[in-house]
Amino acid sequence: MTIALGTPTVDGVREAMAALREWQDDGAPMQLHPGDIGWHHRFGAAGTAQVIRTWSRDGRIVAVGMLDAPRLLRMTVAPDAFEDEDVARRLVEDLSLPERGVLPEGAVSVEAPLGLLLHDLLSEEEWGVDAPWTPLFRDLTEPVQDSGLRIEPIGRDQAQDFADVLRSAFDTSRPTSEYRHAMSAAPFSADARCLGAYDDQGDVAAVVTVWSAGPGRPGLVEPMGVHANHRGRGYGRAITLAGAAALREMGSSSARVCTPSANAGAVATYRAAGFGVRKEVRDRVRVG
């Protein structure tokens, strides 16, 4: 059967999100999560629809991708299609041919879960690998301990605090107060919890946003950040624990996150919050 590549409408994003929710499983490798698309809604519904790609066979979505940047596609495949040769070969074609509208010419990257036949075929096409990332997982069967610090929801009124912490944490000027406002207005905002950890002076020291994929499925931490002025004081661990607790309250079976392996501080923070390390993953890269 023919496999069709598509870019959904704003309403069609819901179908892609539904497929991603269905594919989340505690036993699955780190993969694109509906929360990744939810977080992208900080750029608005139309802007999010423009970066989504779907591959469908006989009317059923078998793969979903999101252009996290013009030259970076993050994607995953339906569990029963991980080793499907037809799907893998179609993906390789679409990723390799700029006229298909997925990736441009030149250097590009693809993030895909371990275990896909796609990786073998990309290797045959001489795609390389990039720097390693560390996936981390925490089981949420048991209650999550309270850090003892003040944790509060970050709503629209605290939008600037949210942006300021992320700017400092990631040393970037991109986050703005509009991020939080856009997330609040997004159709998937009910899947998210945005929390802040406060210091003794009442300032927000760290923030986290967590995303549910539905009861009994793994949730996602995206993003978590600590203001540079508050590093090394336990706020990262505290806000991560709070995020995990929020996911458990929403019915998530586990929490997952992925961070560059070179960011030893982030890996240590998640481990301190009870996350276990899984096998490193690497993006696939085509140079030039």
Protein backbone atom coordinates (compact mmCIF):
# COMPACT_ATOMS: atom_id res chain seq x y z
CA MET A 1 0.00 0.00 0.00
CA THR A 2 1.15 3.55 -0.71
CA ILE A 3 2.66 5.53 2.15
CA ALA A 4 1.63 9.19 2.01
CA LEU A 5 3.66 12.07 3.43
CA GLY A 6 1.66 15.02 4.71
CA THR A 7 1.75 18.30 6.61
CA PRO A 8 -1.42 18.51 8.70
CA THR A 9 -3.75 21.43 9.13
CA VAL A 10 -4.13 22.98 12.57
CA ASP A 11 -6.98 20.57 13.27
CA GLY A 12 -4.95 17.69 11.84
CA VAL A 13 -2.30 18.15 14.51
CA ARG A 14 -4.75 16.57 16.93
CA GLU A 15 -4.62 13.32 14.95
CA ALA A 16 -0.81 13.31 15.09
CA MET A 17 -0.93 13.96 18.83
CA ALA A 18 -3.42 11.10 19.30
CA ALA A 19 -1.07 8.72 17.46
CA LEU A 20 1.89 9.79 19.59
CA ARG A 21 -0.12 9.26 22.78
CA GLU A 22 -1.03 5.75 21.68
CA TRP A 23 2.62 4.91 20.95
CA GLN A 24 3.99 5.94 24.36
CA ASP A 25 4.91 2.98 26.53
CA ASP A 26 7.23 2.45 29.48
CA GLY A 27 9.04 -0.27 27.57
CA ALA A 28 9.59 1.89 24.49
CA PRO A 29 12.85 3.73 23.85
CA MET A 30 13.10 7.50 24.18
CA GLN A 31 11.03 8.93 21.34
CA LEU A 32 9.02 11.91 20.17
CA HIS A 33 6.33 12.60 22.78
CA PRO A 34 3.05 14.52 22.44
CA GLY A 35 4.53 16.94 24.97
CA ASP A 36 7.20 17.88 22.43
CA ILE A 37 4.46 19.14 20.14
CA GLY A 38 2.65 20.68 23.09
CA TRP A 39 5.78 22.67 24.03
CA HIS A 40 6.11 23.84 20.41
CA HIS A 41 2.69 25.49 20.73
CA ARG A 42 4.52 28.38 22.39
CA PHE A 43 4.91 29.51 18.76
CA GLY A 44 1.18 29.25 18.10
CA ALA A 45 -1.12 26.66 16.54
CA ALA A 46 -0.42 27.62 12.92
CA GLY A 47 3.33 27.70 13.48
CA THR A 48 3.19 24.26 15.06
CA ALA A 49 1.15 22.72 12.25
CA GLN A 50 3.73 23.94 9.73
CA VAL A 51 6.53 21.91 11.33
CA ILE A 52 4.66 18.60 11.70
CA ARG A 53 5.09 15.82 9.15
CA THR A 54 3.06 12.62 9.09
CA TRP A 55 3.41 9.39 7.12
CA SER A 56 0.20 7.43 6.63
CA ARG A 57 -0.65 4.05 5.11
CA ASP A 58 -4.22 3.08 4.31
CA GLY A 59 -5.44 6.08 6.29
CA ARG A 60 -3.47 5.22 9.44
CA ILE A 61 -0.55 7.34 10.67
CA VAL A 62 2.57 5.17 10.89
CA ALA A 63 5.19 7.87 11.58
CA VAL A 64 5.24 11.41 12.97
CA GLY A 65 7.99 14.00 12.73
CA MET A 66 8.47 17.52 14.04
CA LEU A 67 10.96 20.03 12.68
CA ASP A 68 12.42 21.30 15.94
CA ALA A 69 14.63 23.51 13.78
CA PRO A 70 14.79 23.94 9.99
CA ARG A 71 17.58 21.33 9.81
CA LEU A 72 16.54 19.04 12.67
CA LEU A 73 13.69 16.54 12.44
CA ARG A 74 12.61 14.71 15.57
CA MET A 75 10.50 11.69 14.75
CA THR A 76 9.15 8.30 15.75
CA VAL A 77 7.28 5.38 14.21
CA ALA A 78 4.32 3.25 15.27
CA PRO A 79 5.53 0.36 17.47
CA ASP A 80 4.44 -2.28 14.96
CA ALA A 81 6.35 -0.50 12.18
CA PHE A 82 9.79 -0.22 13.81
CA GLU A 83 11.14 -2.90 11.48
CA ASP A 84 8.77 -2.33 8.57
CA GLU A 85 10.95 -2.12 5.45
CA ASP A 86 8.40 -0.22 3.36
CA VAL A 87 8.06 2.45 6.02
CA ALA A 88 11.82 2.68 6.58
CA ARG A 89 12.64 3.01 2.87
CA ARG A 90 9.97 5.67 2.36
CA LEU A 91 11.35 7.62 5.31
CA VAL A 92 14.87 7.47 3.90
CA GLU A 93 13.63 8.79 0.56
CA ASP A 94 11.70 11.64 2.12
CA LEU A 95 14.54 12.59 4.45
CA SER A 96 17.06 12.52 1.61
CA LEU A 97 15.19 14.43 -1.11
CA PRO A 98 14.78 18.17 -0.37
CA GLU A 99 11.93 18.44 -2.87
CA ARG A 100 9.81 16.26 -0.58
CA GLY A 101 9.64 19.19 1.86
CA VAL A 102 10.96 17.48 4.97
CA LEU A 103 14.61 18.53 5.19
CA PRO A 104 16.61 20.99 3.07
CA GLU A 105 19.83 20.40 1.19
CA GLY A 106 23.12 20.39 3.07
CA ALA A 107 23.83 19.38 6.65
CA VAL A 108 20.78 18.05 8.49
CA SER A 109 20.00 15.95 11.58
CA VAL A 110 17.36 13.35 12.43
CA GLU A 111 16.45 12.25 15.95
CA ALA A 112 14.84 8.80 15.89
CA PRO A 113 14.39 6.14 18.60
CA LEU A 114 16.73 3.20 18.95
CA GLY A 115 15.55 0.01 17.28
CA LEU A 116 14.23 1.50 14.04
CA LEU A 117 15.21 -0.20 10.79
CA LEU A 118 15.61 3.37 9.57
CA HIS A 119 18.98 3.57 11.35
CA ASP A 120 20.39 0.65 9.32
CA LEU A 121 19.25 2.20 6.06
CA LEU A 122 20.65 5.62 6.94
CA SER A 123 23.99 3.98 7.69
CA GLU A 124 23.90 2.40 4.24
CA GLU A 125 23.39 5.91 2.86
CA GLU A 126 26.48 7.02 4.84
CA TRP A 127 24.65 9.17 7.37
CA GLY A 128 26.81 9.67 10.46
CA VAL A 129 26.06 10.21 14.14
CA ASP A 130 26.20 13.31 16.32
CA ALA A 131 27.14 13.88 19.98
CA PRO A 132 25.46 11.56 22.51
CA TRP A 133 22.37 12.35 24.56
CA THR A 134 21.39 10.62 27.81
CA PRO A 135 17.78 9.43 28.25
CA LEU A 136 16.58 9.28 31.86
CA PHE A 137 13.47 7.59 33.22
CA ARG A 138 11.72 7.56 36.61
CA ASP A 139 9.04 5.09 37.63
CA LEU A 140 5.99 6.75 39.20
CA THR A 141 4.38 3.72 40.81
CA GLU A 142 5.24 4.98 44.29
CA PRO A 143 4.59 8.51 45.63
CA VAL A 144 7.26 11.13 44.92
CA GLN A 145 8.98 12.62 47.95
CA ASP A 146 8.43 16.28 48.83
CA SER A 147 11.59 18.38 48.55
CA GLY A 148 10.46 20.69 51.34
CA LEU A 149 10.84 23.80 49.19
CA ARG A 150 8.05 26.14 48.15
CA ILE A 151 6.56 24.98 44.84
CA GLU A 152 3.77 26.90 43.10
CA PRO A 153 2.01 26.75 39.72
CA ILE A 154 3.38 29.16 37.12
CA GLY A 155 0.40 30.80 35.48
CA ARG A 156 -0.07 33.67 33.08
CA ASP A 157 0.65 36.19 35.85
CA GLN A 158 4.11 34.69 36.31
CA ALA A 159 4.86 34.52 32.57
CA GLN A 160 7.81 36.91 32.80
CA ASP A 161 9.32 34.95 35.71
CA PHE A 162 9.01 31.80 33.63
CA ALA A 163 10.81 33.45 30.71
CA ASP A 164 13.52 35.00 32.87
CA VAL A 165 14.45 31.67 34.46
CA LEU A 166 14.62 29.87 31.10
CA ARG A 167 16.69 32.68 29.58
CA SER A 168 19.19 32.43 32.40
CA ALA A 169 19.17 28.62 32.58
CA PHE A 170 19.86 28.12 28.87
CA ASP A 171 21.83 31.33 28.26
CA THR A 172 19.50 32.47 25.48
CA SER A 173 17.32 35.48 24.70
CA ARG A 174 14.56 33.48 22.98
CA PRO A 175 12.08 32.72 25.80
CA THR A 176 9.58 35.53 26.31
CA SER A 177 6.53 36.01 28.49
CA GLU A 178 4.45 35.19 25.40
CA TYR A 179 5.64 31.58 25.64
CA ARG A 180 3.58 31.04 28.78
CA HIS A 181 0.57 32.92 27.41
CA ALA A 182 0.63 30.89 24.17
CA MET A 183 0.92 27.63 26.09
CA SER A 184 -2.08 28.58 28.23
CA ALA A 185 -4.17 29.21 25.12
CA ALA A 186 -3.02 26.08 23.28
CA PRO A 187 -5.49 23.22 22.71
CA PHE A 188 -3.26 20.81 24.63
CA SER A 189 -2.65 22.98 27.70
CA ALA A 190 -4.69 20.60 29.88
CA ASP A 191 -1.95 18.00 29.36
CA ALA A 192 0.68 20.25 30.95
CA ARG A 193 1.67 21.46 34.40
CA CYS A 194 4.03 24.42 34.75
CA LEU A 195 5.61 24.84 38.18
CA GLY A 196 8.11 27.12 39.88
CA ALA A 197 10.41 26.67 42.88
CA TYR A 198 10.73 29.81 45.04
CA ASP A 199 13.61 31.03 47.18
CA ASP A 200 13.34 32.62 50.64
CA GLN A 201 12.84 36.07 49.10
CA GLY A 202 9.89 34.92 47.03
CA ASP A 203 11.75 34.88 43.71
CA VAL A 204 11.35 32.06 41.19
CA ALA A 205 14.58 30.06 41.23
CA ALA A 206 13.65 27.18 38.92
CA VAL A 207 10.82 26.16 36.61
CA VAL A 208 9.58 22.98 34.99
CA THR A 209 6.88 22.08 32.49
CA VAL A 210 5.72 18.47 32.36
CA TRP A 211 3.42 16.84 29.83
CA SER A 212 1.04 13.91 30.22
CA ALA A 213 0.40 11.43 27.41
CA GLY A 214 -2.60 10.07 29.30
CA PRO A 215 -3.15 7.74 32.26
CA GLY A 216 -0.86 4.72 32.36
CA ARG A 217 1.62 6.21 29.89
CA PRO A 218 4.99 7.92 30.38
CA GLY A 219 5.03 11.69 30.82
CA LEU A 220 7.68 14.11 29.64
CA VAL A 221 9.79 16.80 31.33
CA GLU A 222 10.11 19.64 28.78
CA PRO A 223 11.67 21.99 29.80
CA MET A 224 13.32 22.28 33.22
CA GLY A 225 15.68 25.10 34.10
CA VAL A 226 17.38 26.72 37.10
CA HIS A 227 18.29 30.40 37.16
CA ALA A 228 22.06 30.89 37.08
CA ASN A 229 21.91 32.78 40.39
CA HIS A 230 20.44 29.73 42.14
CA ARG A 231 22.52 26.86 40.83
CA GLY A 232 24.05 24.39 43.23
CA ARG A 233 21.41 24.89 45.91
CA GLY A 234 19.09 21.97 45.21
CA TYR A 235 16.45 23.86 43.24
CA GLY A 236 16.91 21.67 40.16
CA ARG A 237 16.27 18.50 42.13
CA ALA A 238 13.33 20.12 43.94
CA ILE A 239 11.54 21.31 40.80
CA THR A 240 12.18 18.00 39.04
CA LEU A 241 10.63 16.11 41.95
CA ALA A 242 7.66 18.48 41.83
CA GLY A 243 7.25 17.85 38.11
CA ALA A 244 7.38 14.09 38.63
CA ALA A 245 4.77 14.36 41.38
CA ALA A 246 2.51 16.39 39.09
CA LEU A 247 2.79 13.74 36.38
CA ARG A 248 1.90 11.04 38.89
CA GLU A 249 -1.18 13.05 39.91
CA MET A 250 -2.20 13.15 36.24
CA GLY A 251 -1.90 9.36 36.07
CA SER A 252 1.44 9.04 34.29
CA SER A 253 3.17 5.71 34.80
CA SER A 254 6.67 7.19 34.55
CA ALA A 255 8.57 10.36 33.71
CA ARG A 256 11.19 10.69 31.01
CA VAL A 257 13.63 13.31 29.80
CA CYS A 258 16.66 13.43 27.52
CA THR A 259 19.64 15.77 27.91
CA PRO A 260 23.03 16.13 26.20
CA SER A 261 25.49 13.72 27.80
CA ALA A 262 28.04 16.55 27.91
CA ASN A 263 25.73 18.42 30.32
CA ALA A 264 26.94 16.56 33.38
CA GLY A 265 25.12 18.94 35.71
CA ALA A 266 21.74 18.21 34.17
CA VAL A 267 22.34 14.44 34.23
CA ALA A 268 23.35 14.67 37.90
CA THR A 269 20.26 16.73 38.74
CA TYR A 270 17.87 14.23 37.20
CA ARG A 271 19.65 11.32 38.85
CA ALA A 272 19.37 13.11 42.21
CA ALA A 273 15.62 13.32 41.58
CA GLY A 274 15.38 9.54 41.18
CA PHE A 275 15.77 9.20 37.42
CA GLY A 276 17.73 6.26 36.07
CA VAL A 277 20.06 6.49 33.09
CA ARG A 278 19.35 4.51 29.91
CA LYS A 279 21.57 3.78 26.92
CA GLU A 280 22.88 6.88 25.17
CA VAL A 281 21.30 7.94 21.88
CA ARG A 282 22.69 9.94 18.98
CA ASP A 283 21.07 11.96 16.23
CA ARG A 284 21.76 10.82 12.67
CA VAL A 285 23.54 13.47 10.60
CA ARG A 286 24.09 14.11 6.92
CA VAL A 287 27.04 16.44 6.37
CA GLY A 288 26.84 18.68 3.32
